Amino acid sequence: MKYWIVPNNDHTFRIGDAIAAQNGMADWRSDKFSVGDIVFIYKTKPERCIRYKMEVMKAKMIFDQAFEQEAFWTDKDQYYSGIVSFYARLKLIEVYEDDILSLHYLHEHGYQGDPRSVREIKDGDLLDFLLHPHQLI
């Protein structure tokens, strides 16, 4: 099992709306994930914090196997450019409505920079914080 932080910008793809409409599921474009991996969705500006913890239920799906999510893509050019991509099906585990996993706290626990691309988390302190944020603040 691997742990990932991935950035999401609602000006491109509204993942929260996709999760709500698809019974706690969403498909994410990536061929990096494996079934059982945990994905933390980091919402970019203005929120700048992790909002969702999700588990990979299916991996390396082709476009025809993925949910129809065009309605959630604000940037239609990005949507159509990804038709040849692989997808992973993510299932919602937890929603963080407070700012417990804000960029400030991520930095305090060892995260470097801003989440701008899919990044695997291997660091012990950061991983411990992601898995148990309310215990470590």
C-alpha atoms as a PDB file:
ATOM      1  CA  MET A   1       0.000   0.000   0.000  1.00  0.00           C
ATOM      2  CA  LYS A   2       1.205   3.481  -0.870  1.00  0.00           C
ATOM      3  CA  TYR A   3       0.056   6.912   0.282  1.00  0.00           C
ATOM      4  CA  TRP A   4      -0.328   9.876  -2.036  1.00  0.00           C
ATOM      5  CA  ILE A   5      -1.122  13.583  -1.958  1.00  0.00           C
ATOM      6  CA  VAL A   6      -2.691  14.893  -5.148  1.00  0.00           C
ATOM      7  CA  PRO A   7      -3.659  18.499  -5.875  1.00  0.00           C
ATOM      8  CA  ASN A   8      -7.114  19.419  -7.090  1.00  0.00           C
ATOM      9  CA  ASN A   9      -8.214  22.756  -8.499  1.00  0.00           C
ATOM     10  CA  ASP A  10     -11.956  23.328  -8.830  1.00  0.00           C
ATOM     11  CA  HIS A  11     -11.240  25.582 -11.814  1.00  0.00           C
ATOM     12  CA  THR A  12     -10.300  22.388 -13.645  1.00  0.00           C
ATOM     13  CA  PHE A  13     -12.175  19.493 -12.000  1.00  0.00           C
ATOM     14  CA  ARG A  14     -14.743  19.749  -9.189  1.00  0.00           C
ATOM     15  CA  ILE A  15     -13.964  16.543  -7.344  1.00  0.00           C
ATOM     16  CA  GLY A  16     -16.253  17.356  -4.407  1.00  0.00           C
ATOM     17  CA  ASP A  17     -19.221  17.553  -6.765  1.00  0.00           C
ATOM     18  CA  ALA A  18     -18.167  14.295  -8.439  1.00  0.00           C
ATOM     19  CA  ILE A  19     -17.930  12.533  -5.070  1.00  0.00           C
ATOM     20  CA  ALA A  20     -21.369  13.805  -4.031  1.00  0.00           C
ATOM     21  CA  ALA A  21     -23.027  12.787  -7.303  1.00  0.00           C
ATOM     22  CA  GLN A  22     -21.370   9.365  -7.524  1.00  0.00           C
ATOM     23  CA  ASN A  23     -22.177   8.014  -4.050  1.00  0.00           C
ATOM     24  CA  GLY A  24     -18.792   8.753  -2.509  1.00  0.00           C
ATOM     25  CA  MET A  25     -16.756   7.730  -5.542  1.00  0.00           C
ATOM     26  CA  ALA A  26     -14.718   9.588  -8.139  1.00  0.00           C
ATOM     27  CA  ASP A  27     -12.393   8.596 -10.927  1.00  0.00           C
ATOM     28  CA  TRP A  28      -8.979  10.215 -11.008  1.00  0.00           C
ATOM     29  CA  ARG A  29      -6.638  10.341 -13.970  1.00  0.00           C
ATOM     30  CA  SER A  30      -3.491   8.497 -13.033  1.00  0.00           C
ATOM     31  CA  ASP A  31      -1.645   5.296 -13.777  1.00  0.00           C
ATOM     32  CA  LYS A  32       0.435   5.563 -10.576  1.00  0.00           C
ATOM     33  CA  PHE A  33      -2.099   4.161  -8.131  1.00  0.00           C
ATOM     34  CA  SER A  34      -2.730   0.541  -7.148  1.00  0.00           C
ATOM     35  CA  VAL A  35      -5.775  -1.001  -5.497  1.00  0.00           C
ATOM     36  CA  GLY A  36      -5.641  -0.341  -1.752  1.00  0.00           C
ATOM     37  CA  ASP A  37      -3.543   2.828  -1.965  1.00  0.00           C
ATOM     38  CA  ILE A  38      -4.691   5.837   0.050  1.00  0.00           C
ATOM     39  CA  VAL A  39      -5.033   9.175  -1.734  1.00  0.00           C
ATOM     40  CA  PHE A  40      -5.292  12.510   0.070  1.00  0.00           C
ATOM     41  CA  ILE A  41      -6.922  15.182  -2.114  1.00  0.00           C
ATOM     42  CA  TYR A  42      -5.346  18.595  -1.534  1.00  0.00           C
ATOM     43  CA  LYS A  43      -7.527  21.526  -2.576  1.00  0.00           C
ATOM     44  CA  THR A  44      -5.425  24.321  -4.063  1.00  0.00           C
ATOM     45  CA  LYS A  45      -5.978  28.075  -3.626  1.00  0.00           C
ATOM     46  CA  PRO A  46      -7.881  29.511  -1.966  1.00  0.00           C
ATOM     47  CA  GLU A  47      -8.384  26.540   0.431  1.00  0.00           C
ATOM     48  CA  ARG A  48      -4.824  25.185   0.520  1.00  0.00           C
ATOM     49  CA  CYS A  49      -5.586  22.090   2.561  1.00  0.00           C
ATOM     50  CA  ILE A  50      -6.424  18.416   2.254  1.00  0.00           C
ATOM     51  CA  ARG A  51     -10.183  17.895   2.146  1.00  0.00           C
ATOM     52  CA  TYR A  52     -10.603  14.204   1.259  1.00  0.00           C
ATOM     53  CA  LYS A  53      -9.048  10.889   2.184  1.00  0.00           C
ATOM     54  CA  MET A  54      -9.858   8.224  -0.389  1.00  0.00           C
ATOM     55  CA  GLU A  55      -8.988   4.598  -1.117  1.00  0.00           C
ATOM     56  CA  VAL A  56      -8.188   3.240  -4.572  1.00  0.00           C
ATOM     57  CA  MET A  57     -10.792   0.606  -5.453  1.00  0.00           C
ATOM     58  CA  LYS A  58      -9.810   0.052  -9.107  1.00  0.00           C
ATOM     59  CA  ALA A  59      -6.692   1.024 -11.017  1.00  0.00           C
ATOM     60  CA  LYS A  60      -5.522   1.425 -14.599  1.00  0.00           C
ATOM     61  CA  MET A  61      -9.022   1.697 -16.039  1.00  0.00           C
ATOM     62  CA  ILE A  62      -9.462   3.040 -19.548  1.00  0.00           C
ATOM     63  CA  PHE A  63     -11.794   5.929 -20.362  1.00  0.00           C
ATOM     64  CA  ASP A  64     -14.697   3.622 -21.318  1.00  0.00           C
ATOM     65  CA  GLN A  65     -14.559   1.984 -17.867  1.00  0.00           C
ATOM     66  CA  ALA A  66     -14.563   5.290 -15.969  1.00  0.00           C
ATOM     67  CA  PHE A  67     -17.555   7.231 -14.684  1.00  0.00           C
ATOM     68  CA  GLU A  68     -18.972   9.833 -17.042  1.00  0.00           C
ATOM     69  CA  GLN A  69     -17.563  12.923 -15.317  1.00  0.00           C
ATOM     70  CA  GLU A  70     -17.642  15.579 -18.026  1.00  0.00           C
ATOM     71  CA  ALA A  71     -20.164  17.616 -16.026  1.00  0.00           C
ATOM     72  CA  PHE A  72     -17.607  18.073 -13.231  1.00  0.00           C
ATOM     73  CA  TRP A  73     -14.835  19.325 -15.514  1.00  0.00           C
ATOM     74  CA  THR A  74     -14.775  23.106 -15.579  1.00  0.00           C
ATOM     75  CA  ASP A  75     -11.914  23.006 -18.094  1.00  0.00           C
ATOM     76  CA  LYS A  76     -13.403  21.021 -20.992  1.00  0.00           C
ATOM     77  CA  ASP A  77     -10.105  21.074 -22.924  1.00  0.00           C
ATOM     78  CA  GLN A  78      -8.460  19.214 -20.030  1.00  0.00           C
ATOM     79  CA  TYR A  79     -11.331  16.757 -19.955  1.00  0.00           C
ATOM     80  CA  TYR A  80     -11.068  15.896 -23.635  1.00  0.00           C
ATOM     81  CA  SER A  81      -7.271  15.730 -23.560  1.00  0.00           C
ATOM     82  CA  GLY A  82      -7.484  12.977 -20.938  1.00  0.00           C
ATOM     83  CA  ILE A  83      -9.614  10.558 -22.906  1.00  0.00           C
ATOM     84  CA  VAL A  84      -6.479   8.516 -23.642  1.00  0.00           C
ATOM     85  CA  SER A  85      -5.411   8.478 -19.970  1.00  0.00           C
ATOM     86  CA  PHE A  86      -5.698   5.738 -17.375  1.00  0.00           C
ATOM     87  CA  TYR A  87      -8.067   6.242 -14.446  1.00  0.00           C
ATOM     88  CA  ALA A  88      -8.310   5.031 -10.865  1.00  0.00           C
ATOM     89  CA  ARG A  89     -11.591   4.697  -8.990  1.00  0.00           C
ATOM     90  CA  LEU A  90     -11.428   6.339  -5.575  1.00  0.00           C
ATOM     91  CA  LYS A  91     -13.813   5.716  -2.673  1.00  0.00           C
ATOM     92  CA  LEU A  92     -14.317   8.367  -0.015  1.00  0.00           C
ATOM     93  CA  ILE A  93     -13.062   7.389   3.440  1.00  0.00           C
ATOM     94  CA  GLU A  94     -13.063  10.723   5.243  1.00  0.00           C
ATOM     95  CA  VAL A  95     -13.876  14.397   4.696  1.00  0.00           C
ATOM     96  CA  TYR A  96     -11.840  17.035   6.531  1.00  0.00           C
ATOM     97  CA  GLU A  97     -14.105  20.041   6.959  1.00  0.00           C
ATOM     98  CA  ASP A  98     -11.718  21.892   9.263  1.00  0.00           C
ATOM     99  CA  ASP A  99      -8.236  23.055   8.284  1.00  0.00           C
ATOM    100  CA  ILE A 100      -6.421  20.384  10.288  1.00  0.00           C
ATOM    101  CA  LEU A 101      -4.550  19.319   7.130  1.00  0.00           C
ATOM    102  CA  SER A 102      -3.734  22.830   5.906  1.00  0.00           C
ATOM    103  CA  LEU A 103      -0.539  23.566   4.024  1.00  0.00           C
ATOM    104  CA  HIS A 104       0.805  25.214   7.177  1.00  0.00           C
ATOM    105  CA  TYR A 105       0.476  21.993   9.180  1.00  0.00           C
ATOM    106  CA  LEU A 106       1.754  19.873   6.282  1.00  0.00           C
ATOM    107  CA  HIS A 107       4.906  22.027   6.254  1.00  0.00           C
ATOM    108  CA  GLU A 108       5.262  21.654  10.022  1.00  0.00           C
ATOM    109  CA  HIS A 109       5.346  17.879   9.542  1.00  0.00           C
ATOM    110  CA  GLY A 110       7.886  17.844   6.731  1.00  0.00           C
ATOM    111  CA  TYR A 111       6.050  18.461   3.465  1.00  0.00           C
ATOM    112  CA  GLN A 112       8.210  20.563   1.157  1.00  0.00           C
ATOM    113  CA  GLY A 113       6.686  23.147  -1.197  1.00  0.00           C
ATOM    114  CA  ASP A 114       3.118  23.255  -2.487  1.00  0.00           C
ATOM    115  CA  PRO A 115       1.326  20.163  -3.826  1.00  0.00           C
ATOM    116  CA  ARG A 116       1.425  20.706  -7.601  1.00  0.00           C
ATOM    117  CA  SER A 117       1.550  17.130  -8.838  1.00  0.00           C
ATOM    118  CA  VAL A 118       0.875  13.605  -7.611  1.00  0.00           C
ATOM    119  CA  ARG A 119       3.388  12.844  -4.862  1.00  0.00           C
ATOM    120  CA  GLU A 120       3.940   9.637  -2.928  1.00  0.00           C
ATOM    121  CA  ILE A 121       4.344  10.136   0.827  1.00  0.00           C
ATOM    122  CA  LYS A 122       6.963   7.936   2.445  1.00  0.00           C
ATOM    123  CA  ASP A 123       8.163  10.199   5.251  1.00  0.00           C
ATOM    124  CA  GLY A 124       7.348   8.820   8.707  1.00  0.00           C
ATOM    125  CA  ASP A 125       6.416  12.074  10.483  1.00  0.00           C
ATOM    126  CA  LEU A 126       4.342  13.388   7.591  1.00  0.00           C
ATOM    127  CA  LEU A 127       2.642  10.052   7.061  1.00  0.00           C
ATOM    128  CA  ASP A 128       1.877   9.743  10.784  1.00  0.00           C
ATOM    129  CA  PHE A 129       0.366  13.224  10.690  1.00  0.00           C
ATOM    130  CA  LEU A 130      -1.792  12.423   7.650  1.00  0.00           C
ATOM    131  CA  LEU A 131      -3.097   9.254   9.241  1.00  0.00           C
ATOM    132  CA  HIS A 132      -3.688  10.776  12.709  1.00  0.00           C
ATOM    133  CA  PRO A 133      -3.935  14.571  12.306  1.00  0.00           C
ATOM    134  CA  HIS A 134      -6.077  15.327  15.358  1.00  0.00           C
ATOM    135  CA  GLN A 135      -3.685  13.442  17.623  1.00  0.00           C
ATOM    136  CA  LEU A 136      -0.593  15.328  16.424  1.00  0.00           C
ATOM    137  CA  ILE A 137      -1.781  18.961  16.541  1.00  0.00           C
END
